[in-house]
Amino acid sequence: MTISEDDYVEEAHGVASRGMPILHPRVSAQNLNGDPPTVTVTDCIDFRHFIQYYVATGKQYGAVQTGLSASTSTVTLMNGAWMVTSAATGADGSCSL
């Protein structure tokens, strides 16, 4: 499921969010001479101020994120544009700043 699809499903089920995850992305690897060229981006996403909740009740949706989560994405140059071709986010507490 893409992020956009996930957001659509949550909205359809009455889920909203407060706050924003704080990002700290950095390029950790690159293969610009590859066919196609790729770049790996890693991050330690801070979810401590991001809360999802049910609009109707105000109750928390899902598990409470209390810390930081490791993230790795691969972006690939396709038809002149960089596109995310894979992404994975680790468990809560899987990284530190």
PDB file of N, CA and C in Angstrom:
ATOM      1  N   MET A   1       0.858  -1.170   0.000  1.00  0.00           N
ATOM      2  CA  MET A   1       0.000   0.000   0.000  1.00  0.00           C
ATOM      3  C   MET A   1       0.909   1.240   0.000  1.00  0.00           C
ATOM      4  N   THR A   2       0.572   2.207  -0.823  1.00  0.00           N
ATOM      5  CA  THR A   2       1.352   3.443  -0.849  1.00  0.00           C
ATOM      6  C   THR A   2       0.948   4.349   0.304  1.00  0.00           C
ATOM      7  N   ILE A   3       1.743   5.366   0.557  1.00  0.00           N
ATOM      8  CA  ILE A   3       1.405   6.328   1.614  1.00  0.00           C
ATOM      9  C   ILE A   3       0.079   7.007   1.303  1.00  0.00           C
ATOM     10  N   SER A   4      -0.140   7.375   0.054  1.00  0.00           N
ATOM     11  CA  SER A   4      -1.399   8.020  -0.339  1.00  0.00           C
ATOM     12  C   SER A   4      -2.584   7.093  -0.113  1.00  0.00           C
ATOM     13  N   GLU A   5      -2.431   5.806  -0.455  1.00  0.00           N
ATOM     14  CA  GLU A   5      -3.513   4.847  -0.240  1.00  0.00           C
ATOM     15  C   GLU A   5      -3.783   4.665   1.250  1.00  0.00           C
ATOM     16  N   ASP A   6      -2.720   4.593   2.044  1.00  0.00           N
ATOM     17  CA  ASP A   6      -2.856   4.464   3.493  1.00  0.00           C
ATOM     18  C   ASP A   6      -3.604   5.664   4.068  1.00  0.00           C
ATOM     19  N   ASP A   7      -3.242   6.868   3.627  1.00  0.00           N
ATOM     20  CA  ASP A   7      -3.927   8.084   4.090  1.00  0.00           C
ATOM     21  C   ASP A   7      -5.407   8.056   3.715  1.00  0.00           C
ATOM     22  N   TYR A   8      -5.720   7.599   2.508  1.00  0.00           N
ATOM     23  CA  TYR A   8      -7.110   7.527   2.057  1.00  0.00           C
ATOM     24  C   TYR A   8      -7.917   6.567   2.933  1.00  0.00           C
ATOM     25  N   VAL A   9      -7.349   5.393   3.211  1.00  0.00           N
ATOM     26  CA  VAL A   9      -8.041   4.405   4.040  1.00  0.00           C
ATOM     27  C   VAL A   9      -8.282   4.960   5.442  1.00  0.00           C
ATOM     28  N   GLU A  10      -7.261   5.604   6.027  1.00  0.00           N
ATOM     29  CA  GLU A  10      -7.426   6.169   7.371  1.00  0.00           C
ATOM     30  C   GLU A  10      -8.503   7.247   7.382  1.00  0.00           C
ATOM     31  N   GLU A  11      -8.493   8.129   6.388  1.00  0.00           N
ATOM     32  CA  GLU A  11      -9.516   9.183   6.328  1.00  0.00           C
ATOM     33  C   GLU A  11     -10.908   8.584   6.164  1.00  0.00           C
ATOM     34  N   ALA A  12     -11.029   7.547   5.340  1.00  0.00           N
ATOM     35  CA  ALA A  12     -12.321   6.891   5.127  1.00  0.00           C
ATOM     36  C   ALA A  12     -12.849   6.258   6.407  1.00  0.00           C
ATOM     37  N   HIS A  13     -11.952   5.909   7.346  1.00  0.00           N
ATOM     38  CA  HIS A  13     -12.341   5.312   8.619  1.00  0.00           C
ATOM     39  C   HIS A  13     -12.368   6.333   9.761  1.00  0.00           C
ATOM     40  N   GLY A  14     -12.346   7.618   9.409  1.00  0.00           N
ATOM     41  CA  GLY A  14     -12.484   8.662  10.415  1.00  0.00           C
ATOM     42  C   GLY A  14     -11.240   8.932  11.239  1.00  0.00           C
ATOM     43  N   VAL A  15     -10.060   8.657  10.674  1.00  0.00           N
ATOM     44  CA  VAL A  15      -8.803   8.875  11.395  1.00  0.00           C
ATOM     45  C   VAL A  15      -8.162  10.179  10.907  1.00  0.00           C
ATOM     46  N   ALA A  16      -7.712  10.976  11.843  1.00  0.00           N
ATOM     47  CA  ALA A  16      -7.005  12.221  11.534  1.00  0.00           C
ATOM     48  C   ALA A  16      -5.697  12.228  12.324  1.00  0.00           C
ATOM     49  N   SER A  17      -4.880  13.243  12.111  1.00  0.00           N
ATOM     50  CA  SER A  17      -3.615  13.312  12.842  1.00  0.00           C
ATOM     51  C   SER A  17      -3.330  14.730  13.294  1.00  0.00           C
ATOM     52  N   ARG A  18      -2.557  14.805  14.358  1.00  0.00           N
ATOM     53  CA  ARG A  18      -2.063  16.075  14.897  1.00  0.00           C
ATOM     54  C   ARG A  18      -0.549  16.022  14.861  1.00  0.00           C
ATOM     55  N   GLY A  19       0.059  17.163  14.573  1.00  0.00           N
ATOM     56  CA  GLY A  19       1.507  17.217  14.560  1.00  0.00           C
ATOM     57  C   GLY A  19       2.076  16.646  13.280  1.00  0.00           C
ATOM     58  N   MET A  20       3.386  16.624  13.230  1.00  0.00           N
ATOM     59  CA  MET A  20       4.086  16.131  12.057  1.00  0.00           C
ATOM     60  C   MET A  20       5.293  15.309  12.508  1.00  0.00           C
ATOM     61  N   PRO A  21       5.604  14.243  11.768  1.00  0.00           N
ATOM     62  CA  PRO A  21       6.872  13.568  12.022  1.00  0.00           C
ATOM     63  C   PRO A  21       8.012  14.531  11.670  1.00  0.00           C
ATOM     64  N   ILE A  22       9.101  14.478  12.406  1.00  0.00           N
ATOM     65  CA  ILE A  22      10.261  15.323  12.119  1.00  0.00           C
ATOM     66  C   ILE A  22      11.284  14.461  11.395  1.00  0.00           C
ATOM     67  N   LEU A  23      11.706  14.927  10.231  1.00  0.00           N
ATOM     68  CA  LEU A  23      12.597  14.159   9.374  1.00  0.00           C
ATOM     69  C   LEU A  23      14.022  14.692   9.429  1.00  0.00           C
ATOM     70  N   HIS A  24      14.976  13.769   9.257  1.00  0.00           N
ATOM     71  CA  HIS A  24      16.403  14.092   9.229  1.00  0.00           C
ATOM     72  C   HIS A  24      17.069  13.279   8.108  1.00  0.00           C
ATOM     73  N   PRO A  25      16.599  13.383   6.851  1.00  0.00           N
ATOM     74  CA  PRO A  25      17.102  12.500   5.795  1.00  0.00           C
ATOM     75  C   PRO A  25      18.542  12.811   5.403  1.00  0.00           C
ATOM     76  N   ARG A  26      19.236  11.738   4.985  1.00  0.00           N
ATOM     77  CA  ARG A  26      20.589  11.910   4.448  1.00  0.00           C
ATOM     78  C   ARG A  26      20.827  10.815   3.415  1.00  0.00           C
ATOM     79  N   VAL A  27      21.634  11.150   2.421  1.00  0.00           N
ATOM     80  CA  VAL A  27      22.008  10.171   1.407  1.00  0.00           C
ATOM     81  C   VAL A  27      23.057   9.257   2.028  1.00  0.00           C
ATOM     82  N   SER A  28      22.781   7.964   2.037  1.00  0.00           N
ATOM     83  CA  SER A  28      23.714   7.015   2.642  1.00  0.00           C
ATOM     84  C   SER A  28      24.438   6.166   1.601  1.00  0.00           C
ATOM     85  N   ALA A  29      23.929   6.147   0.378  1.00  0.00           N
ATOM     86  CA  ALA A  29      24.583   5.421  -0.711  1.00  0.00           C
ATOM     87  C   ALA A  29      24.059   5.962  -2.033  1.00  0.00           C
ATOM     88  N   GLN A  30      24.898   5.836  -3.052  1.00  0.00           N
ATOM     89  CA  GLN A  30      24.452   6.268  -4.375  1.00  0.00           C
ATOM     90  C   GLN A  30      25.143   5.448  -5.454  1.00  0.00           C
ATOM     91  N   ASN A  31      24.421   5.227  -6.527  1.00  0.00           N
ATOM     92  CA  ASN A  31      24.967   4.556  -7.698  1.00  0.00           C
ATOM     93  C   ASN A  31      24.471   5.345  -8.907  1.00  0.00           C
ATOM     94  N   LEU A  32      25.106   6.480  -9.154  1.00  0.00           N
ATOM     95  CA  LEU A  32      24.665   7.372 -10.216  1.00  0.00           C
ATOM     96  C   LEU A  32      25.050   6.864 -11.596  1.00  0.00           C
ATOM     97  N   ASN A  33      25.972   5.906 -11.666  1.00  0.00           N
ATOM     98  CA  ASN A  33      26.371   5.328 -12.951  1.00  0.00           C
ATOM     99  C   ASN A  33      25.590   4.060 -13.272  1.00  0.00           C
ATOM    100  N   GLY A  34      24.691   3.661 -12.369  1.00  0.00           N
ATOM    101  CA  GLY A  34      23.899   2.452 -12.597  1.00  0.00           C
ATOM    102  C   GLY A  34      22.875   2.659 -13.693  1.00  0.00           C
ATOM    103  N   ASP A  35      22.268   1.567 -14.109  1.00  0.00           N
ATOM    104  CA  ASP A  35      21.226   1.634 -15.135  1.00  0.00           C
ATOM    105  C   ASP A  35      19.973   0.948 -14.600  1.00  0.00           C
ATOM    106  N   PRO A  36      19.087   1.665 -13.943  1.00  0.00           N
ATOM    107  CA  PRO A  36      19.024   3.125 -13.781  1.00  0.00           C
ATOM    108  C   PRO A  36      19.819   3.593 -12.555  1.00  0.00           C
ATOM    109  N   PRO A  37      20.122   4.899 -12.486  1.00  0.00           N
ATOM    110  CA  PRO A  37      20.792   5.452 -11.304  1.00  0.00           C
ATOM    111  C   PRO A  37      19.888   5.345 -10.072  1.00  0.00           C
ATOM    112  N   THR A  38      20.504   5.061  -8.906  1.00  0.00           N
ATOM    113  CA  THR A  38      19.742   4.967  -7.655  1.00  0.00           C
ATOM    114  C   THR A  38      20.480   5.704  -6.537  1.00  0.00           C
ATOM    115  N   VAL A  39      19.702   6.115  -5.551  1.00  0.00           N
ATOM    116  CA  VAL A  39      20.226   6.744  -4.342  1.00  0.00           C
ATOM    117  C   VAL A  39      19.475   6.131  -3.162  1.00  0.00           C
ATOM    118  N   THR A  40      20.191   5.824  -2.092  1.00  0.00           N
ATOM    119  CA  THR A  40      19.573   5.337  -0.860  1.00  0.00           C
ATOM    120  C   THR A  40      19.558   6.473   0.150  1.00  0.00           C
ATOM    121  N   VAL A  41      18.392   6.719   0.724  1.00  0.00           N
ATOM    122  CA  VAL A  41      18.206   7.773   1.719  1.00  0.00           C
ATOM    123  C   VAL A  41      17.821   7.109   3.037  1.00  0.00           C
ATOM    124  N   THR A  42      18.550   7.434   4.110  1.00  0.00           N
ATOM    125  CA  THR A  42      18.219   6.912   5.434  1.00  0.00           C
ATOM    126  C   THR A  42      17.798   8.064   6.340  1.00  0.00           C
ATOM    127  N   ASP A  43      17.059   7.723   7.365  1.00  0.00           N
ATOM    128  CA  ASP A  43      16.545   8.734   8.277  1.00  0.00           C
ATOM    129  C   ASP A  43      16.290   8.085   9.627  1.00  0.00           C
ATOM    130  N   CYS A  44      16.180   8.925  10.627  1.00  0.00           N
ATOM    131  CA  CYS A  44      15.717   8.531  11.956  1.00  0.00           C
ATOM    132  C   CYS A  44      14.524   9.449  12.228  1.00  0.00           C
ATOM    133  N   ILE A  45      13.326   8.944  11.928  1.00  0.00           N
ATOM    134  CA  ILE A  45      12.115   9.769  11.969  1.00  0.00           C
ATOM    135  C   ILE A  45      11.628   9.918  13.402  1.00  0.00           C
ATOM    136  N   ASP A  46      11.396  11.155  13.799  1.00  0.00           N
ATOM    137  CA  ASP A  46      10.919  11.481  15.145  1.00  0.00           C
ATOM    138  C   ASP A  46       9.396  11.568  15.119  1.00  0.00           C
ATOM    139  N   PHE A  47       8.732  10.561  15.690  1.00  0.00           N
ATOM    140  CA  PHE A  47       7.270  10.502  15.734  1.00  0.00           C
ATOM    141  C   PHE A  47       6.696  10.996  17.072  1.00  0.00           C
ATOM    142  N   ARG A  48       7.539  11.523  17.941  1.00  0.00           N
ATOM    143  CA  ARG A  48       7.072  11.852  19.293  1.00  0.00           C
ATOM    144  C   ARG A  48       5.988  12.915  19.342  1.00  0.00           C
ATOM    145  N   HIS A  49       5.869  13.748  18.313  1.00  0.00           N
ATOM    146  CA  HIS A  49       4.856  14.808  18.309  1.00  0.00           C
ATOM    147  C   HIS A  49       3.821  14.585  17.211  1.00  0.00           C
ATOM    148  N   PHE A  50       3.687  13.342  16.766  1.00  0.00           N
ATOM    149  CA  PHE A  50       2.737  12.967  15.721  1.00  0.00           C
ATOM    150  C   PHE A  50       1.749  11.976  16.317  1.00  0.00           C
ATOM    151  N   ILE A  51       0.474  12.347  16.358  1.00  0.00           N
ATOM    152  CA  ILE A  51      -0.544  11.520  16.991  1.00  0.00           C
ATOM    153  C   ILE A  51      -1.703  11.316  16.023  1.00  0.00           C
ATOM    154  N   GLN A  52      -2.119  10.074  15.841  1.00  0.00           N
ATOM    155  CA  GLN A  52      -3.299   9.773  15.036  1.00  0.00           C
ATOM    156  C   GLN A  52      -4.442   9.419  15.980  1.00  0.00           C
ATOM    157  N   TYR A  53      -5.654   9.875  15.615  1.00  0.00           N
ATOM    158  CA  TYR A  53      -6.811   9.675  16.493  1.00  0.00           C
ATOM    159  C   TYR A  53      -8.083   9.550  15.659  1.00  0.00           C
ATOM    160  N   TYR A  54      -9.112   8.966  16.291  1.00  0.00           N
ATOM    161  CA  TYR A  54     -10.431   8.880  15.670  1.00  0.00           C
ATOM    162  C   TYR A  54     -11.132  10.214  15.853  1.00  0.00           C
ATOM    163  N   VAL A  55     -11.601  10.808  14.770  1.00  0.00           N
ATOM    164  CA  VAL A  55     -12.258  12.113  14.821  1.00  0.00           C
ATOM    165  C   VAL A  55     -13.517  12.053  15.692  1.00  0.00           C
ATOM    166  N   ALA A  56     -14.310  11.016  15.567  1.00  0.00           N
ATOM    167  CA  ALA A  56     -15.590  10.918  16.279  1.00  0.00           C
ATOM    168  C   ALA A  56     -15.430  10.826  17.789  1.00  0.00           C
ATOM    169  N   THR A  57     -14.357  10.170  18.261  1.00  0.00           N
ATOM    170  CA  THR A  57     -14.218   9.930  19.697  1.00  0.00           C
ATOM    171  C   THR A  57     -13.023  10.639  20.329  1.00  0.00           C
ATOM    172  N   GLY A  58     -12.064  11.013  19.516  1.00  0.00           N
ATOM    173  CA  GLY A  58     -10.844  11.608  20.045  1.00  0.00           C
ATOM    174  C   GLY A  58      -9.869  10.581  20.588  1.00  0.00           C
ATOM    175  N   LYS A  59     -10.227   9.297  20.543  1.00  0.00           N
ATOM    176  CA  LYS A  59      -9.342   8.246  21.059  1.00  0.00           C
ATOM    177  C   LYS A  59      -8.192   7.981  20.095  1.00  0.00           C
ATOM    178  N   GLN A  60      -7.067   7.594  20.667  1.00  0.00           N
ATOM    179  CA  GLN A  60      -5.857   7.306  19.900  1.00  0.00           C
ATOM    180  C   GLN A  60      -6.105   6.178  18.912  1.00  0.00           C
ATOM    181  N   TYR A  61      -5.555   6.307  17.714  1.00  0.00           N
ATOM    182  CA  TYR A  61      -5.617   5.285  16.683  1.00  0.00           C
ATOM    183  C   TYR A  61      -4.269   4.572  16.633  1.00  0.00           C
ATOM    184  N   GLY A  62      -4.275   3.280  16.737  1.00  0.00           N
ATOM    185  CA  GLY A  62      -3.045   2.505  16.622  1.00  0.00           C
ATOM    186  C   GLY A  62      -2.152   2.640  17.838  1.00  0.00           C
ATOM    187  N   ALA A  63      -0.954   2.124  17.687  1.00  0.00           N
ATOM    188  CA  ALA A  63       0.017   2.146  18.778  1.00  0.00           C
ATOM    189  C   ALA A  63       0.572   3.552  18.968  1.00  0.00           C
ATOM    190  N   VAL A  64       0.862   3.896  20.204  1.00  0.00           N
ATOM    191  CA  VAL A  64       1.460   5.189  20.517  1.00  0.00           C
ATOM    192  C   VAL A  64       2.929   5.151  20.115  1.00  0.00           C
ATOM    193  N   GLN A  65       3.337   6.076  19.264  1.00  0.00           N
ATOM    194  CA  GLN A  65       4.741   6.188  18.872  1.00  0.00           C
ATOM    195  C   GLN A  65       5.426   7.058  19.920  1.00  0.00           C
ATOM    196  N   THR A  66       6.368   6.501  20.635  1.00  0.00           N
ATOM    197  CA  THR A  66       7.002   7.247  21.725  1.00  0.00           C
ATOM    198  C   THR A  66       8.437   7.649  21.422  1.00  0.00           C
ATOM    199  N   GLY A  67       8.917   7.307  20.228  1.00  0.00           N
ATOM    200  CA  GLY A  67      10.316   7.595  19.971  1.00  0.00           C
ATOM    201  C   GLY A  67      10.658   7.793  18.519  1.00  0.00           C
ATOM    202  N   LEU A  68      11.738   7.155  18.129  1.00  0.00           N
ATOM    203  CA  LEU A  68      12.331   7.365  16.824  1.00  0.00           C
ATOM    204  C   LEU A  68      12.339   6.059  16.044  1.00  0.00           C
ATOM    205  N   SER A  69      12.112   6.157  14.726  1.00  0.00           N
ATOM    206  CA  SER A  69      12.068   4.964  13.880  1.00  0.00           C
ATOM    207  C   SER A  69      13.020   5.104  12.709  1.00  0.00           C
ATOM    208  N   ALA A  70      13.837   4.088  12.499  1.00  0.00           N
ATOM    209  CA  ALA A  70      14.751   4.069  11.363  1.00  0.00           C
ATOM    210  C   ALA A  70      13.956   3.927  10.069  1.00  0.00           C
ATOM    211  N   SER A  71      14.426   4.609   9.032  1.00  0.00           N
ATOM    212  CA  SER A  71      13.767   4.556   7.734  1.00  0.00           C
ATOM    213  C   SER A  71      14.818   4.470   6.638  1.00  0.00           C
ATOM    214  N   THR A  72      14.553   3.635   5.639  1.00  0.00           N
ATOM    215  CA  THR A  72      15.434   3.521   4.479  1.00  0.00           C
ATOM    216  C   THR A  72      14.575   3.543   3.223  1.00  0.00           C
ATOM    217  N   SER A  73      14.938   4.411   2.285  1.00  0.00           N
ATOM    218  CA  SER A  73      14.222   4.507   1.010  1.00  0.00           C
ATOM    219  C   SER A  73      15.222   4.465  -0.134  1.00  0.00           C
ATOM    220  N   THR A  74      14.804   3.861  -1.231  1.00  0.00           N
ATOM    221  CA  THR A  74      15.591   3.892  -2.450  1.00  0.00           C
ATOM    222  C   THR A  74      14.843   4.751  -3.460  1.00  0.00           C
ATOM    223  N   VAL A  75      15.549   5.706  -4.053  1.00  0.00           N
ATOM    224  CA  VAL A  75      14.963   6.516  -5.114  1.00  0.00           C
ATOM    225  C   VAL A  75      15.712   6.204  -6.402  1.00  0.00           C
ATOM    226  N   THR A  76      14.954   6.125  -7.485  1.00  0.00           N
ATOM    227  CA  THR A  76      15.489   5.706  -8.771  1.00  0.00           C
ATOM    228  C   THR A  76      15.133   6.744  -9.832  1.00  0.00           C
ATOM    229  N   LEU A  77      16.097   7.066 -10.685  1.00  0.00           N
ATOM    230  CA  LEU A  77      15.849   8.005 -11.778  1.00  0.00           C
ATOM    231  C   LEU A  77      15.110   7.269 -12.884  1.00  0.00           C
ATOM    232  N   MET A  78      13.856   7.668 -13.109  1.00  0.00           N
ATOM    233  CA  MET A  78      13.001   7.013 -14.095  1.00  0.00           C
ATOM    234  C   MET A  78      12.367   8.079 -14.979  1.00  0.00           C
ATOM    235  N   ASN A  79      12.615   8.015 -16.263  1.00  0.00           N
ATOM    236  CA  ASN A  79      12.041   8.953 -17.225  1.00  0.00           C
ATOM    237  C   ASN A  79      12.287  10.396 -16.831  1.00  0.00           C
ATOM    238  N   GLY A  80      13.488  10.692 -16.329  1.00  0.00           N
ATOM    239  CA  GLY A  80      13.877  12.062 -16.002  1.00  0.00           C
ATOM    240  C   GLY A  80      13.424  12.558 -14.643  1.00  0.00           C
ATOM    241  N   ALA A  81      12.789  11.703 -13.836  1.00  0.00           N
ATOM    242  CA  ALA A  81      12.320  12.110 -12.511  1.00  0.00           C
ATOM    243  C   ALA A  81      12.767  11.085 -11.470  1.00  0.00           C
ATOM    244  N   TRP A  82      13.116  11.556 -10.278  1.00  0.00           N
ATOM    245  CA  TRP A  82      13.477  10.662  -9.172  1.00  0.00           C
ATOM    246  C   TRP A  82      12.202  10.163  -8.518  1.00  0.00           C
ATOM    247  N   MET A  83      12.055   8.839  -8.438  1.00  0.00           N
ATOM    248  CA  MET A  83      10.868   8.201  -7.874  1.00  0.00           C
ATOM    249  C   MET A  83      11.281   7.276  -6.738  1.00  0.00           C
ATOM    250  N   VAL A  84      10.496   7.255  -5.656  1.00  0.00           N
ATOM    251  CA  VAL A  84      10.739   6.310  -4.570  1.00  0.00           C
ATOM    252  C   VAL A  84      10.311   4.934  -5.068  1.00  0.00           C
ATOM    253  N   THR A  85      11.261   4.003  -5.082  1.00  0.00           N
ATOM    254  CA  THR A  85      10.961   2.657  -5.581  1.00  0.00           C
ATOM    255  C   THR A  85      10.882   1.618  -4.468  1.00  0.00           C
ATOM    256  N   SER A  86      11.379   1.969  -3.280  1.00  0.00           N
ATOM    257  CA  SER A  86      11.185   1.113  -2.110  1.00  0.00           C
ATOM    258  C   SER A  86      11.341   1.962  -0.864  1.00  0.00           C
ATOM    259  N   ALA A  87      10.622   1.575   0.178  1.00  0.00           N
ATOM    260  CA  ALA A  87      10.686   2.297   1.439  1.00  0.00           C
ATOM    261  C   ALA A  87      10.333   1.345   2.573  1.00  0.00           C
ATOM    262  N   ALA A  88      11.060   1.479   3.674  1.00  0.00           N
ATOM    263  CA  ALA A  88      10.787   0.656   4.854  1.00  0.00           C
ATOM    264  C   ALA A  88      11.041   1.493   6.102  1.00  0.00           C
ATOM    265  N   THR A  89      10.154   1.361   7.075  1.00  0.00           N
ATOM    266  CA  THR A  89      10.308   2.058   8.353  1.00  0.00           C
ATOM    267  C   THR A  89      10.364   1.012   9.453  1.00  0.00           C
ATOM    268  N   GLY A  90      11.374   1.153  10.328  1.00  0.00           N
ATOM    269  CA  GLY A  90      11.565   0.211  11.420  1.00  0.00           C
ATOM    270  C   GLY A  90      10.600   0.450  12.568  1.00  0.00           C
ATOM    271  N   ALA A  91      10.692  -0.406  13.547  1.00  0.00           N
ATOM    272  CA  ALA A  91       9.846  -0.325  14.738  1.00  0.00           C
ATOM    273  C   ALA A  91      10.162   0.923  15.555  1.00  0.00           C
ATOM    274  N   ASP A  92       9.213   1.298  16.379  1.00  0.00           N
ATOM    275  CA  ASP A  92       9.409   2.421  17.309  1.00  0.00           C
ATOM    276  C   ASP A  92      10.643   2.139  18.161  1.00  0.00           C
ATOM    277  N   GLY A  93      11.542   3.115  18.244  1.00  0.00           N
ATOM    278  CA  GLY A  93      12.752   2.957  19.029  1.00  0.00           C
ATOM    279  C   GLY A  93      13.908   2.302  18.292  1.00  0.00           C
ATOM    280  N   SER A  94      13.785   2.153  16.964  1.00  0.00           N
ATOM    281  CA  SER A  94      14.819   1.443  16.203  1.00  0.00           C
ATOM    282  C   SER A  94      16.011   2.297  15.790  1.00  0.00           C
ATOM    283  N   CYS A  95      16.063   3.569  16.221  1.00  0.00           N
ATOM    284  CA  CYS A  95      17.220   4.410  15.926  1.00  0.00           C
ATOM    285  C   CYS A  95      17.337   5.487  17.011  1.00  0.00           C
ATOM    286  N   SER A  96      18.428   6.230  16.949  1.00  0.00           N
ATOM    287  CA  SER A  96      18.619   7.348  17.870  1.00  0.00           C
ATOM    288  C   SER A  96      19.323   8.475  17.124  1.00  0.00           C
ATOM    289  N   LEU A  97      19.059   9.681  17.568  1.00  0.00           N
ATOM    290  CA  LEU A  97      19.680  10.848  16.935  1.00  0.00           C
ATOM    291  C   LEU A  97      21.017  11.154  17.559  1.00  0.00           C
TER     292      LEU A  97
END
